[in-house]
Amino acid sequence: MTKADLVRKVSAETGIIRKDVALAVDAFLEAVKDSMKDGKHIEIRGFGTFKLKVRKERIGRNPKTEEKVKVPARVVPTFKFSRAFKDDVDDANANILK
């Protein structure tokens, strides 16, 4: 699903025009990005949590030359789905494993 698909679906379900839904979706995404830039995490109950994680410095290798390369420590954004979200998806897709 793309952002345009999401806007279309929310618009259809709420009756709000697509332009307004697109503004709301863009504002939400900007708020998430701005909070992450400020070092804050965002918890959306029943959905998941956006957090920042620190990746330690490590030794990597260039696959082409096999040369060892120092990879510096860095901060990366992550997302962890809530247990309720995972359970809903698992219940909805239980028939795939059969």
PDB file of N, CA and C in Angstrom:
ATOM      1  N   MET A   1       0.849  -1.166   0.000  1.00  0.00           N
ATOM      2  CA  MET A   1       0.000   0.000   0.000  1.00  0.00           C
ATOM      3  C   MET A   1       0.900   1.236   0.000  1.00  0.00           C
ATOM      4  N   THR A   2       0.618   2.150  -0.874  1.00  0.00           N
ATOM      5  CA  THR A   2       1.365   3.401  -0.942  1.00  0.00           C
ATOM      6  C   THR A   2       0.650   4.475  -0.128  1.00  0.00           C
ATOM      7  N   LYS A   3       1.305   5.620   0.024  1.00  0.00           N
ATOM      8  CA  LYS A   3       0.673   6.728   0.736  1.00  0.00           C
ATOM      9  C   LYS A   3      -0.597   7.168   0.010  1.00  0.00           C
ATOM     10  N   ALA A   4      -0.565   7.167  -1.318  1.00  0.00           N
ATOM     11  CA  ALA A   4      -1.755   7.542  -2.097  1.00  0.00           C
ATOM     12  C   ALA A   4      -2.896   6.558  -1.854  1.00  0.00           C
ATOM     13  N   ASP A   5      -2.573   5.263  -1.763  1.00  0.00           N
ATOM     14  CA  ASP A   5      -3.597   4.252  -1.464  1.00  0.00           C
ATOM     15  C   ASP A   5      -4.186   4.485  -0.075  1.00  0.00           C
ATOM     16  N   LEU A   6      -3.323   4.810   0.879  1.00  0.00           N
ATOM     17  CA  LEU A   6      -3.783   5.083   2.239  1.00  0.00           C
ATOM     18  C   LEU A   6      -4.718   6.288   2.259  1.00  0.00           C
ATOM     19  N   VAL A   7      -4.343   7.346   1.574  1.00  0.00           N
ATOM     20  CA  VAL A   7      -5.173   8.550   1.509  1.00  0.00           C
ATOM     21  C   VAL A   7      -6.524   8.213   0.892  1.00  0.00           C
ATOM     22  N   ARG A   8      -6.506   7.462  -0.198  1.00  0.00           N
ATOM     23  CA  ARG A   8      -7.741   7.084  -0.884  1.00  0.00           C
ATOM     24  C   ARG A   8      -8.656   6.277   0.041  1.00  0.00           C
ATOM     25  N   LYS A   9      -8.061   5.313   0.761  1.00  0.00           N
ATOM     26  CA  LYS A   9      -8.857   4.453   1.646  1.00  0.00           C
ATOM     27  C   LYS A   9      -9.454   5.243   2.815  1.00  0.00           C
ATOM     28  N   VAL A  10      -8.651   6.074   3.456  1.00  0.00           N
ATOM     29  CA  VAL A  10      -9.148   6.875   4.580  1.00  0.00           C
ATOM     30  C   VAL A  10     -10.235   7.835   4.096  1.00  0.00           C
ATOM     31  N   SER A  11     -10.031   8.420   2.940  1.00  0.00           N
ATOM     32  CA  SER A  11     -11.022   9.332   2.374  1.00  0.00           C
ATOM     33  C   SER A  11     -12.347   8.602   2.125  1.00  0.00           C
ATOM     34  N   ALA A  12     -12.263   7.403   1.572  1.00  0.00           N
ATOM     35  CA  ALA A  12     -13.470   6.630   1.279  1.00  0.00           C
ATOM     36  C   ALA A  12     -14.209   6.227   2.566  1.00  0.00           C
ATOM     37  N   GLU A  13     -13.444   5.872   3.603  1.00  0.00           N
ATOM     38  CA  GLU A  13     -14.061   5.409   4.847  1.00  0.00           C
ATOM     39  C   GLU A  13     -14.606   6.543   5.710  1.00  0.00           C
ATOM     40  N   THR A  14     -14.042   7.738   5.585  1.00  0.00           N
ATOM     41  CA  THR A  14     -14.462   8.840   6.453  1.00  0.00           C
ATOM     42  C   THR A  14     -15.332   9.877   5.748  1.00  0.00           C
ATOM     43  N   GLY A  15     -15.279   9.896   4.432  1.00  0.00           N
ATOM     44  CA  GLY A  15     -16.026  10.903   3.688  1.00  0.00           C
ATOM     45  C   GLY A  15     -15.316  12.246   3.613  1.00  0.00           C
ATOM     46  N   ILE A  16     -14.103  12.318   4.142  1.00  0.00           N
ATOM     47  CA  ILE A  16     -13.306  13.542   4.072  1.00  0.00           C
ATOM     48  C   ILE A  16     -12.614  13.580   2.707  1.00  0.00           C
ATOM     49  N   ILE A  17     -12.554  14.760   2.097  1.00  0.00           N
ATOM     50  CA  ILE A  17     -11.961  14.825   0.763  1.00  0.00           C
ATOM     51  C   ILE A  17     -10.475  14.454   0.822  1.00  0.00           C
ATOM     52  N   ARG A  18      -9.994  13.885  -0.292  1.00  0.00           N
ATOM     53  CA  ARG A  18      -8.621  13.375  -0.343  1.00  0.00           C
ATOM     54  C   ARG A  18      -7.577  14.435  -0.017  1.00  0.00           C
ATOM     55  N   LYS A  19      -7.786  15.636  -0.469  1.00  0.00           N
ATOM     56  CA  LYS A  19      -6.819  16.705  -0.228  1.00  0.00           C
ATOM     57  C   LYS A  19      -6.612  16.929   1.267  1.00  0.00           C
ATOM     58  N   ASP A  20      -7.703  16.931   2.038  1.00  0.00           N
ATOM     59  CA  ASP A  20      -7.605  17.117   3.486  1.00  0.00           C
ATOM     60  C   ASP A  20      -6.968  15.908   4.166  1.00  0.00           C
ATOM     61  N   VAL A  21      -7.307  14.718   3.690  1.00  0.00           N
ATOM     62  CA  VAL A  21      -6.703  13.501   4.253  1.00  0.00           C
ATOM     63  C   VAL A  21      -5.206  13.498   3.967  1.00  0.00           C
ATOM     64  N   ALA A  22      -4.824  13.889   2.756  1.00  0.00           N
ATOM     65  CA  ALA A  22      -3.402  13.936   2.400  1.00  0.00           C
ATOM     66  C   ALA A  22      -2.648  14.911   3.302  1.00  0.00           C
ATOM     67  N   LEU A  23      -3.260  16.059   3.605  1.00  0.00           N
ATOM     68  CA  LEU A  23      -2.634  17.024   4.514  1.00  0.00           C
ATOM     69  C   LEU A  23      -2.448  16.422   5.913  1.00  0.00           C
ATOM     70  N   ALA A  24      -3.459  15.696   6.377  1.00  0.00           N
ATOM     71  CA  ALA A  24      -3.382  15.073   7.705  1.00  0.00           C
ATOM     72  C   ALA A  24      -2.300  13.990   7.739  1.00  0.00           C
ATOM     73  N   VAL A  25      -2.243  13.167   6.701  1.00  0.00           N
ATOM     74  CA  VAL A  25      -1.228  12.111   6.638  1.00  0.00           C
ATOM     75  C   VAL A  25       0.169  12.731   6.596  1.00  0.00           C
ATOM     76  N   ASP A  26       0.351  13.760   5.762  1.00  0.00           N
ATOM     77  CA  ASP A  26       1.648  14.433   5.683  1.00  0.00           C
ATOM     78  C   ASP A  26       2.026  15.060   7.021  1.00  0.00           C
ATOM     79  N   ALA A  27       1.065  15.657   7.704  1.00  0.00           N
ATOM     80  CA  ALA A  27       1.329  16.272   9.007  1.00  0.00           C
ATOM     81  C   ALA A  27       1.733  15.212  10.034  1.00  0.00           C
ATOM     82  N   PHE A  28       1.062  14.078  10.006  1.00  0.00           N
ATOM     83  CA  PHE A  28       1.409  12.976  10.914  1.00  0.00           C
ATOM     84  C   PHE A  28       2.839  12.514  10.665  1.00  0.00           C
ATOM     85  N   LEU A  29       3.176  12.293   9.410  1.00  0.00           N
ATOM     86  CA  LEU A  29       4.516  11.814   9.078  1.00  0.00           C
ATOM     87  C   LEU A  29       5.587  12.847   9.457  1.00  0.00           C
ATOM     88  N   GLU A  30       5.313  14.111   9.251  1.00  0.00           N
ATOM     89  CA  GLU A  30       6.244  15.170   9.644  1.00  0.00           C
ATOM     90  C   GLU A  30       6.413  15.210  11.156  1.00  0.00           C
ATOM     91  N   ALA A  31       5.315  15.032  11.896  1.00  0.00           N
ATOM     92  CA  ALA A  31       5.379  15.030  13.364  1.00  0.00           C
ATOM     93  C   ALA A  31       6.242  13.873  13.860  1.00  0.00           C
ATOM     94  N   VAL A  32       6.095  12.710  13.232  1.00  0.00           N
ATOM     95  CA  VAL A  32       6.915  11.550  13.595  1.00  0.00           C
ATOM     96  C   VAL A  32       8.386  11.870  13.313  1.00  0.00           C
ATOM     97  N   LYS A  33       8.664  12.384  12.132  1.00  0.00           N
ATOM     98  CA  LYS A  33      10.047  12.694  11.748  1.00  0.00           C
ATOM     99  C   LYS A  33      10.658  13.742  12.676  1.00  0.00           C
ATOM    100  N   ASP A  34       9.906  14.796  12.974  1.00  0.00           N
ATOM    101  CA  ASP A  34      10.411  15.859  13.851  1.00  0.00           C
ATOM    102  C   ASP A  34      10.688  15.343  15.259  1.00  0.00           C
ATOM    103  N   SER A  35       9.810  14.505  15.772  1.00  0.00           N
ATOM    104  CA  SER A  35      10.019  13.938  17.108  1.00  0.00           C
ATOM    105  C   SER A  35      11.258  13.054  17.132  1.00  0.00           C
ATOM    106  N   MET A  36      11.446  12.270  16.086  1.00  0.00           N
ATOM    107  CA  MET A  36      12.621  11.407  16.015  1.00  0.00           C
ATOM    108  C   MET A  36      13.898  12.246  15.907  1.00  0.00           C
ATOM    109  N   LYS A  37      13.844  13.335  15.149  1.00  0.00           N
ATOM    110  CA  LYS A  37      15.002  14.230  15.048  1.00  0.00           C
ATOM    111  C   LYS A  37      15.359  14.817  16.400  1.00  0.00           C
ATOM    112  N   ASP A  38      14.352  15.065  17.243  1.00  0.00           N
ATOM    113  CA  ASP A  38      14.562  15.618  18.580  1.00  0.00           C
ATOM    114  C   ASP A  38      14.965  14.558  19.600  1.00  0.00           C
ATOM    115  N   GLY A  39      15.088  13.312  19.153  1.00  0.00           N
ATOM    116  CA  GLY A  39      15.507  12.237  20.049  1.00  0.00           C
ATOM    117  C   GLY A  39      14.389  11.643  20.877  1.00  0.00           C
ATOM    118  N   LYS A  40      13.152  11.950  20.553  1.00  0.00           N
ATOM    119  CA  LYS A  40      12.005  11.437  21.296  1.00  0.00           C
ATOM    120  C   LYS A  40      11.469  10.179  20.626  1.00  0.00           C
ATOM    121  N   HIS A  41      10.768   9.361  21.399  1.00  0.00           N
ATOM    122  CA  HIS A  41      10.091   8.213  20.801  1.00  0.00           C
ATOM    123  C   HIS A  41       8.585   8.489  20.775  1.00  0.00           C
ATOM    124  N   ILE A  42       7.899   7.771  19.904  1.00  0.00           N
ATOM    125  CA  ILE A  42       6.460   7.956  19.736  1.00  0.00           C
ATOM    126  C   ILE A  42       5.786   6.610  19.947  1.00  0.00           C
ATOM    127  N   GLU A  43       4.837   6.580  20.868  1.00  0.00           N
ATOM    128  CA  GLU A  43       4.089   5.348  21.140  1.00  0.00           C
ATOM    129  C   GLU A  43       2.642   5.551  20.715  1.00  0.00           C
ATOM    130  N   ILE A  44       2.180   4.683  19.824  1.00  0.00           N
ATOM    131  CA  ILE A  44       0.787   4.701  19.398  1.00  0.00           C
ATOM    132  C   ILE A  44       0.181   3.396  19.908  1.00  0.00           C
ATOM    133  N   ARG A  45      -0.553   3.494  20.980  1.00  0.00           N
ATOM    134  CA  ARG A  45      -1.086   2.288  21.640  1.00  0.00           C
ATOM    135  C   ARG A  45      -1.933   1.463  20.682  1.00  0.00           C
ATOM    136  N   GLY A  46      -1.700   0.171  20.741  1.00  0.00           N
ATOM    137  CA  GLY A  46      -2.426  -0.743  19.876  1.00  0.00           C
ATOM    138  C   GLY A  46      -1.833  -0.844  18.475  1.00  0.00           C
ATOM    139  N   PHE A  47      -0.820  -0.021  18.182  1.00  0.00           N
ATOM    140  CA  PHE A  47      -0.195  -0.041  16.857  1.00  0.00           C
ATOM    141  C   PHE A  47       1.299  -0.327  16.960  1.00  0.00           C
ATOM    142  N   GLY A  48       2.046   0.536  17.664  1.00  0.00           N
ATOM    143  CA  GLY A  48       3.477   0.300  17.799  1.00  0.00           C
ATOM    144  C   GLY A  48       4.213   1.520  18.304  1.00  0.00           C
ATOM    145  N   THR A  49       5.553   1.399  18.322  1.00  0.00           N
ATOM    146  CA  THR A  49       6.400   2.446  18.867  1.00  0.00           C
ATOM    147  C   THR A  49       7.549   2.750  17.916  1.00  0.00           C
ATOM    148  N   PHE A  50       7.726   4.043  17.632  1.00  0.00           N
ATOM    149  CA  PHE A  50       8.885   4.512  16.893  1.00  0.00           C
ATOM    150  C   PHE A  50       9.938   4.886  17.926  1.00  0.00           C
ATOM    151  N   LYS A  51      11.158   4.346  17.787  1.00  0.00           N
ATOM    152  CA  LYS A  51      12.246   4.638  18.733  1.00  0.00           C
ATOM    153  C   LYS A  51      13.546   4.841  17.977  1.00  0.00           C
ATOM    154  N   LEU A  52      14.524   5.376  18.697  1.00  0.00           N
ATOM    155  CA  LEU A  52      15.873   5.483  18.172  1.00  0.00           C
ATOM    156  C   LEU A  52      16.736   4.457  18.892  1.00  0.00           C
ATOM    157  N   LYS A  53      17.604   3.780  18.139  1.00  0.00           N
ATOM    158  CA  LYS A  53      18.528   2.816  18.731  1.00  0.00           C
ATOM    159  C   LYS A  53      19.943   3.208  18.352  1.00  0.00           C
ATOM    160  N   VAL A  54      20.853   2.960  19.277  1.00  0.00           N
ATOM    161  CA  VAL A  54      22.261   3.228  19.013  1.00  0.00           C
ATOM    162  C   VAL A  54      22.909   1.939  18.524  1.00  0.00           C
ATOM    163  N   ARG A  55      23.493   2.007  17.349  1.00  0.00           N
ATOM    164  CA  ARG A  55      24.244   0.877  16.803  1.00  0.00           C
ATOM    165  C   ARG A  55      25.707   1.071  17.190  1.00  0.00           C
ATOM    166  N   LYS A  56      26.300   0.063  17.771  1.00  0.00           N
ATOM    167  CA  LYS A  56      27.680   0.154  18.223  1.00  0.00           C
ATOM    168  C   LYS A  56      28.641   0.189  17.035  1.00  0.00           C
ATOM    169  N   GLU A  57      29.815   0.725  17.299  1.00  0.00           N
ATOM    170  CA  GLU A  57      30.879   0.690  16.310  1.00  0.00           C
ATOM    171  C   GLU A  57      31.250  -0.772  16.070  1.00  0.00           C
ATOM    172  N   ARG A  58      31.597  -1.103  14.832  1.00  0.00           N
ATOM    173  CA  ARG A  58      31.959  -2.494  14.530  1.00  0.00           C
ATOM    174  C   ARG A  58      32.917  -2.538  13.350  1.00  0.00           C
ATOM    175  N   ILE A  59      33.465  -3.706  13.154  1.00  0.00           N
ATOM    176  CA  ILE A  59      34.334  -3.925  12.008  1.00  0.00           C
ATOM    177  C   ILE A  59      33.523  -4.654  10.945  1.00  0.00           C
ATOM    178  N   GLY A  60      33.437  -4.046   9.764  1.00  0.00           N
ATOM    179  CA  GLY A  60      32.754  -4.666   8.638  1.00  0.00           C
ATOM    180  C   GLY A  60      33.784  -5.022   7.592  1.00  0.00           C
ATOM    181  N   ARG A  61      33.302  -5.467   6.438  1.00  0.00           N
ATOM    182  CA  ARG A  61      34.246  -5.754   5.361  1.00  0.00           C
ATOM    183  C   ARG A  61      33.628  -5.363   4.029  1.00  0.00           C
ATOM    184  N   ASN A  62      34.477  -4.937   3.146  1.00  0.00           N
ATOM    185  CA  ASN A  62      34.065  -4.615   1.795  1.00  0.00           C
ATOM    186  C   ASN A  62      33.925  -5.941   1.053  1.00  0.00           C
ATOM    187  N   PRO A  63      32.734  -6.317   0.600  1.00  0.00           N
ATOM    188  CA  PRO A  63      32.556  -7.628  -0.030  1.00  0.00           C
ATOM    189  C   PRO A  63      33.324  -7.780  -1.341  1.00  0.00           C
ATOM    190  N   LYS A  64      33.635  -6.672  -1.972  1.00  0.00           N
ATOM    191  CA  LYS A  64      34.348  -6.724  -3.249  1.00  0.00           C
ATOM    192  C   LYS A  64      35.839  -7.013  -3.052  1.00  0.00           C
ATOM    193  N   THR A  65      36.435  -6.331  -2.064  1.00  0.00           N
ATOM    194  CA  THR A  65      37.885  -6.447  -1.865  1.00  0.00           C
ATOM    195  C   THR A  65      38.260  -7.265  -0.630  1.00  0.00           C
ATOM    196  N   GLU A  66      37.278  -7.636   0.170  1.00  0.00           N
ATOM    197  CA  GLU A  66      37.490  -8.349   1.437  1.00  0.00           C
ATOM    198  C   GLU A  66      38.249  -7.502   2.459  1.00  0.00           C
ATOM    199  N   GLU A  67      38.449  -6.226   2.177  1.00  0.00           N
ATOM    200  CA  GLU A  67      39.146  -5.323   3.087  1.00  0.00           C
ATOM    201  C   GLU A  67      38.276  -5.039   4.313  1.00  0.00           C
ATOM    202  N   LYS A  68      38.895  -5.080   5.500  1.00  0.00           N
ATOM    203  CA  LYS A  68      38.161  -4.765   6.730  1.00  0.00           C
ATOM    204  C   LYS A  68      37.986  -3.252   6.822  1.00  0.00           C
ATOM    205  N   VAL A  69      36.775  -2.844   7.229  1.00  0.00           N
ATOM    206  CA  VAL A  69      36.438  -1.434   7.300  1.00  0.00           C
ATOM    207  C   VAL A  69      35.801  -1.156   8.655  1.00  0.00           C
ATOM    208  N   LYS A  70      36.194  -0.035   9.261  1.00  0.00           N
ATOM    209  CA  LYS A  70      35.608   0.359  10.542  1.00  0.00           C
ATOM    210  C   LYS A  70      34.276   1.059  10.258  1.00  0.00           C
ATOM    211  N   VAL A  71      33.199   0.526  10.820  1.00  0.00           N
ATOM    212  CA  VAL A  71      31.869   1.123  10.675  1.00  0.00           C
ATOM    213  C   VAL A  71      31.593   1.886  11.970  1.00  0.00           C
ATOM    214  N   PRO A  72      31.441   3.214  11.883  1.00  0.00           N
ATOM    215  CA  PRO A  72      31.267   4.004  13.110  1.00  0.00           C
ATOM    216  C   PRO A  72      29.917   3.762  13.780  1.00  0.00           C
ATOM    217  N   ALA A  73      29.850   4.110  15.064  1.00  0.00           N
ATOM    218  CA  ALA A  73      28.585   4.035  15.799  1.00  0.00           C
ATOM    219  C   ALA A  73      27.620   5.040  15.189  1.00  0.00           C
ATOM    220  N   ARG A  74      26.324   4.717  15.251  1.00  0.00           N
ATOM    221  CA  ARG A  74      25.331   5.640  14.717  1.00  0.00           C
ATOM    222  C   ARG A  74      23.987   5.395  15.377  1.00  0.00           C
ATOM    223  N   VAL A  75      23.096   6.340  15.200  1.00  0.00           N
ATOM    224  CA  VAL A  75      21.739   6.239  15.735  1.00  0.00           C
ATOM    225  C   VAL A  75      20.809   5.964  14.563  1.00  0.00           C
ATOM    226  N   VAL A  76      19.946   4.934  14.710  1.00  0.00           N
ATOM    227  CA  VAL A  76      19.022   4.578  13.640  1.00  0.00           C
ATOM    228  C   VAL A  76      17.586   4.550  14.161  1.00  0.00           C
ATOM    229  N   PRO A  77      16.640   4.990  13.339  1.00  0.00           N
ATOM    230  CA  PRO A  77      15.233   4.905  13.747  1.00  0.00           C
ATOM    231  C   PRO A  77      14.731   3.465  13.585  1.00  0.00           C
ATOM    232  N   THR A  78      13.900   3.029  14.519  1.00  0.00           N
ATOM    233  CA  THR A  78      13.306   1.690  14.440  1.00  0.00           C
ATOM    234  C   THR A  78      11.815   1.785  14.737  1.00  0.00           C
ATOM    235  N   PHE A  79      11.098   0.737  14.380  1.00  0.00           N
ATOM    236  CA  PHE A  79       9.678   0.651  14.697  1.00  0.00           C
ATOM    237  C   PHE A  79       9.397  -0.745  15.214  1.00  0.00           C
ATOM    238  N   LYS A  80       8.679  -0.821  16.323  1.00  0.00           N
ATOM    239  CA  LYS A  80       8.293  -2.115  16.900  1.00  0.00           C
ATOM    240  C   LYS A  80       6.772  -2.157  16.983  1.00  0.00           C
ATOM    241  N   PHE A  81       6.185  -3.159  16.337  1.00  0.00           N
ATOM    242  CA  PHE A  81       4.739  -3.322  16.371  1.00  0.00           C
ATOM    243  C   PHE A  81       4.288  -3.768  17.754  1.00  0.00           C
ATOM    244  N   SER A  82       3.088  -3.337  18.153  1.00  0.00           N
ATOM    245  CA  SER A  82       2.550  -3.731  19.454  1.00  0.00           C
ATOM    246  C   SER A  82       2.101  -5.193  19.400  1.00  0.00           C
ATOM    247  N   ARG A  83       1.974  -5.788  20.549  1.00  0.00           N
ATOM    248  CA  ARG A  83       1.518  -7.184  20.652  1.00  0.00           C
ATOM    249  C   ARG A  83       0.115  -7.313  20.056  1.00  0.00           C
ATOM    250  N   ALA A  84      -0.764  -6.362  20.340  1.00  0.00           N
ATOM    251  CA  ALA A  84      -2.140  -6.405  19.821  1.00  0.00           C
ATOM    252  C   ALA A  84      -2.135  -6.379  18.293  1.00  0.00           C
ATOM    253  N   PHE A  85      -1.293  -5.548  17.703  1.00  0.00           N
ATOM    254  CA  PHE A  85      -1.191  -5.459  16.242  1.00  0.00           C
ATOM    255  C   PHE A  85      -0.726  -6.796  15.674  1.00  0.00           C
ATOM    256  N   LYS A  86       0.324  -7.364  16.271  1.00  0.00           N
ATOM    257  CA  LYS A  86       0.854  -8.646  15.803  1.00  0.00           C
ATOM    258  C   LYS A  86      -0.193  -9.744  15.907  1.00  0.00           C
ATOM    259  N   ASP A  87      -0.933  -9.752  17.022  1.00  0.00           N
ATOM    260  CA  ASP A  87      -1.966 -10.774  17.212  1.00  0.00           C
ATOM    261  C   ASP A  87      -3.080 -10.627  16.176  1.00  0.00           C
ATOM    262  N   ASP A  88      -3.498  -9.400  15.887  1.00  0.00           N
ATOM    263  CA  ASP A  88      -4.539  -9.170  14.877  1.00  0.00           C
ATOM    264  C   ASP A  88      -4.093  -9.661  13.503  1.00  0.00           C
ATOM    265  N   VAL A  89      -2.857  -9.360  13.131  1.00  0.00           N
ATOM    266  CA  VAL A  89      -2.331  -9.785  11.827  1.00  0.00           C
ATOM    267  C   VAL A  89      -2.212 -11.307  11.787  1.00  0.00           C
ATOM    268  N   ASP A  90      -1.747 -11.900  12.887  1.00  0.00           N
ATOM    269  CA  ASP A  90      -1.603 -13.350  12.951  1.00  0.00           C
ATOM    270  C   ASP A  90      -2.964 -14.034  12.816  1.00  0.00           C
ATOM    271  N   ASP A  91      -3.965 -13.520  13.520  1.00  0.00           N
ATOM    272  CA  ASP A  91      -5.313 -14.118  13.455  1.00  0.00           C
ATOM    273  C   ASP A  91      -5.899 -13.991  12.044  1.00  0.00           C
ATOM    274  N   ALA A  92      -5.686 -12.853  11.407  1.00  0.00           N
ATOM    275  CA  ALA A  92      -6.226 -12.623  10.074  1.00  0.00           C
ATOM    276  C   ALA A  92      -5.551 -13.471   9.010  1.00  0.00           C
ATOM    277  N   ASN A  93      -4.313 -13.867   9.258  1.00  0.00           N
ATOM    278  CA  ASN A  93      -3.556 -14.616   8.253  1.00  0.00           C
ATOM    279  C   ASN A  93      -3.254 -16.045   8.663  1.00  0.00           C
ATOM    280  N   ALA A  94      -3.966 -16.568   9.632  1.00  0.00           N
ATOM    281  CA  ALA A  94      -3.722 -17.928  10.122  1.00  0.00           C
ATOM    282  C   ALA A  94      -3.906 -18.963   9.019  1.00  0.00           C
ATOM    283  N   ASN A  95      -4.774 -18.688   8.071  1.00  0.00           N
ATOM    284  CA  ASN A  95      -5.038 -19.666   7.013  1.00  0.00           C
ATOM    285  C   ASN A  95      -3.890 -19.768   5.994  1.00  0.00           C
ATOM    286  N   ILE A  96      -2.969 -18.818   5.967  1.00  0.00           N
ATOM    287  CA  ILE A  96      -1.858 -18.865   5.028  1.00  0.00           C
ATOM    288  C   ILE A  96      -0.924 -20.051   5.346  1.00  0.00           C
ATOM    289  N   LEU A  97      -0.792 -20.362   6.614  1.00  0.00           N
ATOM    290  CA  LEU A  97       0.107 -21.434   7.021  1.00  0.00           C
ATOM    291  C   LEU A  97      -0.460 -22.832   6.793  1.00  0.00           C
ATOM    292  N   LYS A  98      -1.741 -22.896   6.505  1.00  0.00           N
ATOM    293  CA  LYS A  98      -2.378 -24.212   6.334  1.00  0.00           C
ATOM    294  C   LYS A  98      -2.204 -24.738   4.949  1.00  0.00           C
TER     295      LYS A  98
END
